[in-house]
PDB file of N, CA and C in Angstrom:
ATOM      1  N   MET A   1       0.816  -1.180   0.000  1.00  0.00           N
ATOM      2  CA  MET A   1       0.000   0.000   0.000  1.00  0.00           C
ATOM      3  C   MET A   1       0.869   1.257   0.000  1.00  0.00           C
ATOM      4  N   ASP A   2       1.961   1.228   0.743  1.00  0.00           N
ATOM      5  CA  ASP A   2       2.859   2.383   0.771  1.00  0.00           C
ATOM      6  C   ASP A   2       3.442   2.654  -0.609  1.00  0.00           C
ATOM      7  N   ARG A   3       3.743   1.597  -1.318  1.00  0.00           N
ATOM      8  CA  ARG A   3       4.296   1.736  -2.672  1.00  0.00           C
ATOM      9  C   ARG A   3       3.279   2.407  -3.608  1.00  0.00           C
ATOM     10  N   LEU A   4       2.022   2.020  -3.486  1.00  0.00           N
ATOM     11  CA  LEU A   4       0.963   2.608  -4.296  1.00  0.00           C
ATOM     12  C   LEU A   4       0.782   4.087  -3.962  1.00  0.00           C
ATOM     13  N   LYS A   5       0.814   4.429  -2.672  1.00  0.00           N
ATOM     14  CA  LYS A   5       0.692   5.830  -2.268  1.00  0.00           C
ATOM     15  C   LYS A   5       1.845   6.656  -2.817  1.00  0.00           C
ATOM     16  N   ALA A   6       3.050   6.111  -2.771  1.00  0.00           N
ATOM     17  CA  ALA A   6       4.209   6.833  -3.286  1.00  0.00           C
ATOM     18  C   ALA A   6       4.094   7.045  -4.789  1.00  0.00           C
ATOM     19  N   MET A   7       3.618   6.033  -5.483  1.00  0.00           N
ATOM     20  CA  MET A   7       3.477   6.133  -6.933  1.00  0.00           C
ATOM     21  C   MET A   7       2.415   7.169  -7.313  1.00  0.00           C
ATOM     22  N   THR A   8       1.302   7.189  -6.612  1.00  0.00           N
ATOM     23  CA  THR A   8       0.264   8.168  -6.931  1.00  0.00           C
ATOM     24  C   THR A   8       0.723   9.575  -6.589  1.00  0.00           C
ATOM     25  N   GLY A   9       1.565   9.699  -5.582  1.00  0.00           N
ATOM     26  CA  GLY A   9       2.101  11.005  -5.230  1.00  0.00           C
ATOM     27  C   GLY A   9       3.027  11.547  -6.298  1.00  0.00           C
ATOM     28  N   LYS A  10       3.844  10.677  -6.868  1.00  0.00           N
ATOM     29  CA  LYS A  10       4.786  11.088  -7.913  1.00  0.00           C
ATOM     30  C   LYS A  10       4.086  11.397  -9.222  1.00  0.00           C
ATOM     31  N   HIS A  11       3.009  10.721  -9.485  1.00  0.00           N
ATOM     32  CA  HIS A  11       2.323  10.827 -10.781  1.00  0.00           C
ATOM     33  C   HIS A  11       0.885  11.310 -10.610  1.00  0.00           C
ATOM     34  N   ASP A  12       0.692  12.271  -9.734  1.00  0.00           N
ATOM     35  CA  ASP A  12      -0.651  12.760  -9.434  1.00  0.00           C
ATOM     36  C   ASP A  12      -1.380  13.251 -10.674  1.00  0.00           C
ATOM     37  N   ASP A  13      -0.672  13.916 -11.565  1.00  0.00           N
ATOM     38  CA  ASP A  13      -1.321  14.425 -12.777  1.00  0.00           C
ATOM     39  C   ASP A  13      -1.867  13.293 -13.632  1.00  0.00           C
ATOM     40  N   LYS A  14      -1.120  12.219 -13.759  1.00  0.00           N
ATOM     41  CA  LYS A  14      -1.566  11.068 -14.559  1.00  0.00           C
ATOM     42  C   LYS A  14      -2.731  10.344 -13.889  1.00  0.00           C
ATOM     43  N   VAL A  15      -2.677  10.221 -12.570  1.00  0.00           N
ATOM     44  CA  VAL A  15      -3.763   9.576 -11.835  1.00  0.00           C
ATOM     45  C   VAL A  15      -5.042  10.392 -11.999  1.00  0.00           C
ATOM     46  N   ASP A  16      -4.932  11.720 -11.869  1.00  0.00           N
ATOM     47  CA  ASP A  16      -6.097  12.581 -12.028  1.00  0.00           C
ATOM     48  C   ASP A  16      -6.674  12.484 -13.438  1.00  0.00           C
ATOM     49  N   GLN A  17      -5.810  12.423 -14.439  1.00  0.00           N
ATOM     50  CA  GLN A  17      -6.272  12.285 -15.823  1.00  0.00           C
ATOM     51  C   GLN A  17      -7.013  10.966 -16.012  1.00  0.00           C
ATOM     52  N   GLY A  18      -6.468   9.900 -15.439  1.00  0.00           N
ATOM     53  CA  GLY A  18      -7.112   8.587 -15.538  1.00  0.00           C
ATOM     54  C   GLY A  18      -8.472   8.574 -14.873  1.00  0.00           C
ATOM     55  N   MET A  19      -8.571   9.211 -13.703  1.00  0.00           N
ATOM     56  CA  MET A  19      -9.861   9.293 -13.020  1.00  0.00           C
ATOM     57  C   MET A  19     -10.863  10.087 -13.850  1.00  0.00           C
ATOM     58  N   GLN A  20     -10.403  11.156 -14.462  1.00  0.00           N
ATOM     59  CA  GLN A  20     -11.286  11.983 -15.291  1.00  0.00           C
ATOM     60  C   GLN A  20     -11.800  11.184 -16.487  1.00  0.00           C
ATOM     61  N   LYS A  21     -10.896  10.432 -17.139  1.00  0.00           N
ATOM     62  CA  LYS A  21     -11.301   9.616 -18.283  1.00  0.00           C
ATOM     63  C   LYS A  21     -12.305   8.540 -17.866  1.00  0.00           C
ATOM     64  N   ALA A  22     -12.047   7.907 -16.720  1.00  0.00           N
ATOM     65  CA  ALA A  22     -12.953   6.873 -16.236  1.00  0.00           C
ATOM     66  C   ALA A  22     -14.323   7.468 -15.918  1.00  0.00           C
ATOM     67  N   GLY A  23     -14.327   8.640 -15.304  1.00  0.00           N
ATOM     68  CA  GLY A  23     -15.592   9.315 -14.999  1.00  0.00           C
ATOM     69  C   GLY A  23     -16.357   9.673 -16.254  1.00  0.00           C
ATOM     70  N   ASP A  24     -15.635  10.163 -17.261  1.00  0.00           N
ATOM     71  CA  ASP A  24     -16.278  10.500 -18.536  1.00  0.00           C
ATOM     72  C   ASP A  24     -16.883   9.268 -19.191  1.00  0.00           C
ATOM     73  N   LYS A  25     -16.165   8.158 -19.120  1.00  0.00           N
ATOM     74  CA  LYS A  25     -16.652   6.906 -19.712  1.00  0.00           C
ATOM     75  C   LYS A  25     -17.915   6.419 -18.985  1.00  0.00           C
ATOM     76  N   MET A  26     -17.896   6.497 -17.645  1.00  0.00           N
ATOM     77  CA  MET A  26     -19.081   6.094 -16.886  1.00  0.00           C
ATOM     78  C   MET A  26     -20.260   7.001 -17.214  1.00  0.00           C
ATOM     79  N   ASP A  27     -19.989   8.285 -17.363  1.00  0.00           N
ATOM     80  CA  ASP A  27     -21.039   9.237 -17.699  1.00  0.00           C
ATOM     81  C   ASP A  27     -21.651   8.901 -19.058  1.00  0.00           C
ATOM     82  N   ASP A  28     -20.800   8.559 -20.032  1.00  0.00           N
ATOM     83  CA  ASP A  28     -21.291   8.163 -21.351  1.00  0.00           C
ATOM     84  C   ASP A  28     -22.152   6.909 -21.271  1.00  0.00           C
ATOM     85  N   ARG A  29     -21.697   5.929 -20.508  1.00  0.00           N
ATOM     86  CA  ARG A  29     -22.417   4.658 -20.420  1.00  0.00           C
ATOM     87  C   ARG A  29     -23.757   4.774 -19.692  1.00  0.00           C
ATOM     88  N   THR A  30     -23.873   5.746 -18.812  1.00  0.00           N
ATOM     89  CA  THR A  30     -25.133   5.924 -18.095  1.00  0.00           C
ATOM     90  C   THR A  30     -26.023   6.954 -18.777  1.00  0.00           C
ATOM     91  N   GLY A  31     -25.586   7.468 -19.904  1.00  0.00           N
ATOM     92  CA  GLY A  31     -26.384   8.431 -20.649  1.00  0.00           C
ATOM     93  C   GLY A  31     -26.510   9.777 -19.958  1.00  0.00           C
ATOM     94  N   GLY A  32     -25.566  10.090 -19.091  1.00  0.00           N
ATOM     95  CA  GLY A  32     -25.580  11.372 -18.406  1.00  0.00           C
ATOM     96  C   GLY A  32     -26.568  11.466 -17.261  1.00  0.00           C
ATOM     97  N   LYS A  33     -27.195  10.347 -16.910  1.00  0.00           N
ATOM     98  CA  LYS A  33     -28.216  10.356 -15.859  1.00  0.00           C
ATOM     99  C   LYS A  33     -27.640  10.638 -14.474  1.00  0.00           C
ATOM    100  N   HIS A  34     -26.373  10.321 -14.280  1.00  0.00           N
ATOM    101  CA  HIS A  34     -25.754  10.458 -12.956  1.00  0.00           C
ATOM    102  C   HIS A  34     -24.524  11.355 -13.002  1.00  0.00           C
ATOM    103  N   SER A  35     -24.499  12.302 -13.908  1.00  0.00           N
ATOM    104  CA  SER A  35     -23.335  13.161 -14.111  1.00  0.00           C
ATOM    105  C   SER A  35     -22.876  13.848 -12.836  1.00  0.00           C
ATOM    106  N   ASP A  36     -23.804  14.388 -12.073  1.00  0.00           N
ATOM    107  CA  ASP A  36     -23.436  15.117 -10.864  1.00  0.00           C
ATOM    108  C   ASP A  36     -22.764  14.212  -9.834  1.00  0.00           C
ATOM    109  N   LYS A  37     -23.279  13.005  -9.682  1.00  0.00           N
ATOM    110  CA  LYS A  37     -22.698  12.061  -8.727  1.00  0.00           C
ATOM    111  C   LYS A  37     -21.333  11.567  -9.197  1.00  0.00           C
ATOM    112  N   ILE A  38     -21.209  11.303 -10.482  1.00  0.00           N
ATOM    113  CA  ILE A  38     -19.936  10.848 -11.036  1.00  0.00           C
ATOM    114  C   ILE A  38     -18.887  11.948 -10.883  1.00  0.00           C
ATOM    115  N   ASP A  39     -19.252  13.181 -11.199  1.00  0.00           N
ATOM    116  CA  ASP A  39     -18.314  14.298 -11.080  1.00  0.00           C
ATOM    117  C   ASP A  39     -17.856  14.491  -9.636  1.00  0.00           C
ATOM    118  N   ARG A  40     -18.793  14.377  -8.695  1.00  0.00           N
ATOM    119  CA  ARG A  40     -18.425  14.503  -7.276  1.00  0.00           C
ATOM    120  C   ARG A  40     -17.467  13.402  -6.858  1.00  0.00           C
ATOM    121  N   GLY A  41     -17.713  12.180  -7.330  1.00  0.00           N
ATOM    122  CA  GLY A  41     -16.838  11.061  -7.002  1.00  0.00           C
ATOM    123  C   GLY A  41     -15.448  11.237  -7.568  1.00  0.00           C
ATOM    124  N   VAL A  42     -15.377  11.694  -8.816  1.00  0.00           N
ATOM    125  CA  VAL A  42     -14.078  11.930  -9.448  1.00  0.00           C
ATOM    126  C   VAL A  42     -13.339  13.041  -8.712  1.00  0.00           C
ATOM    127  N   ASP A  43     -14.036  14.121  -8.414  1.00  0.00           N
ATOM    128  CA  ASP A  43     -13.406  15.238  -7.699  1.00  0.00           C
ATOM    129  C   ASP A  43     -12.854  14.802  -6.345  1.00  0.00           C
ATOM    130  N   GLU A  44     -13.636  14.025  -5.623  1.00  0.00           N
ATOM    131  CA  GLU A  44     -13.201  13.558  -4.303  1.00  0.00           C
ATOM    132  C   GLU A  44     -12.006  12.618  -4.432  1.00  0.00           C
ATOM    133  N   GLY A  45     -12.034  11.738  -5.409  1.00  0.00           N
ATOM    134  CA  GLY A  45     -10.905  10.839  -5.638  1.00  0.00           C
ATOM    135  C   GLY A  45      -9.632  11.594  -5.988  1.00  0.00           C
ATOM    136  N   GLN A  46      -9.773  12.619  -6.804  1.00  0.00           N
ATOM    137  CA  GLN A  46      -8.614  13.421  -7.183  1.00  0.00           C
ATOM    138  C   GLN A  46      -8.040  14.166  -5.983  1.00  0.00           C
ATOM    139  N   LYS A  47      -8.897  14.617  -5.094  1.00  0.00           N
ATOM    140  CA  LYS A  47      -8.419  15.312  -3.890  1.00  0.00           C
ATOM    141  C   LYS A  47      -7.618  14.384  -2.978  1.00  0.00           C
ATOM    142  N   ARG A  48      -7.965  13.105  -2.993  1.00  0.00           N
ATOM    143  CA  ARG A  48      -7.363  12.154  -2.057  1.00  0.00           C
ATOM    144  C   ARG A  48      -6.091  11.495  -2.590  1.00  0.00           C
ATOM    145  N   THR A  49      -5.713  11.786  -3.818  1.00  0.00           N
ATOM    146  CA  THR A  49      -4.481  11.206  -4.365  1.00  0.00           C
ATOM    147  C   THR A  49      -3.435  12.296  -4.518  1.00  0.00           C
ATOM    148  N   GLY A  50      -2.209  11.956  -4.253  1.00  0.00           N
ATOM    149  CA  GLY A  50      -1.107  12.892  -4.437  1.00  0.00           C
ATOM    150  C   GLY A  50      -1.312  14.187  -3.677  1.00  0.00           C
ATOM    151  N   ASP A  51      -1.014  15.284  -4.367  1.00  0.00           N
ATOM    152  CA  ASP A  51      -1.111  16.604  -3.745  1.00  0.00           C
ATOM    153  C   ASP A  51      -2.478  17.234  -3.941  1.00  0.00           C
ATOM    154  N   GLY A  52      -3.406  16.498  -4.463  1.00  0.00           N
ATOM    155  CA  GLY A  52      -4.750  17.020  -4.664  1.00  0.00           C
ATOM    156  C   GLY A  52      -5.112  17.115  -6.119  1.00  0.00           C
ATOM    157  N   ASP A  53      -6.188  17.793  -6.380  1.00  0.00           N
ATOM    158  CA  ASP A  53      -6.739  17.897  -7.720  1.00  0.00           C
ATOM    159  C   ASP A  53      -5.842  18.738  -8.622  1.00  0.00           C
ATOM    160  N   THR A  54      -5.355  18.129  -9.711  1.00  0.00           N
ATOM    161  CA  THR A  54      -4.541  18.878 -10.668  1.00  0.00           C
ATOM    162  C   THR A  54      -5.294  19.161 -11.940  1.00  0.00           C
ATOM    163  N   MET A  55      -6.505  18.628 -12.045  1.00  0.00           N
ATOM    164  CA  MET A  55      -7.306  18.854 -13.253  1.00  0.00           C
ATOM    165  C   MET A  55      -8.184  20.070 -13.044  1.00  0.00           C
ATOM    166  N   PRO A  56      -8.395  20.854 -14.111  1.00  0.00           N
ATOM    167  CA  PRO A  56      -9.255  22.032 -13.981  1.00  0.00           C
ATOM    168  C   PRO A  56     -10.712  21.655 -13.772  1.00  0.00           C
TER     169      PRO A  56
END
């Protein structure tokens, strides 16, 4: 687990990009019905990895 935390800290921008892409894909698959919940989940996940949210 420590290794994973260190890796996400070093590559926070890439982790945030991956979370954003995954959120976008889920939003597409649900037809936009849960966009607000998906966006909140992605935002919270981005805050909890590395130094925080690096995506605009």
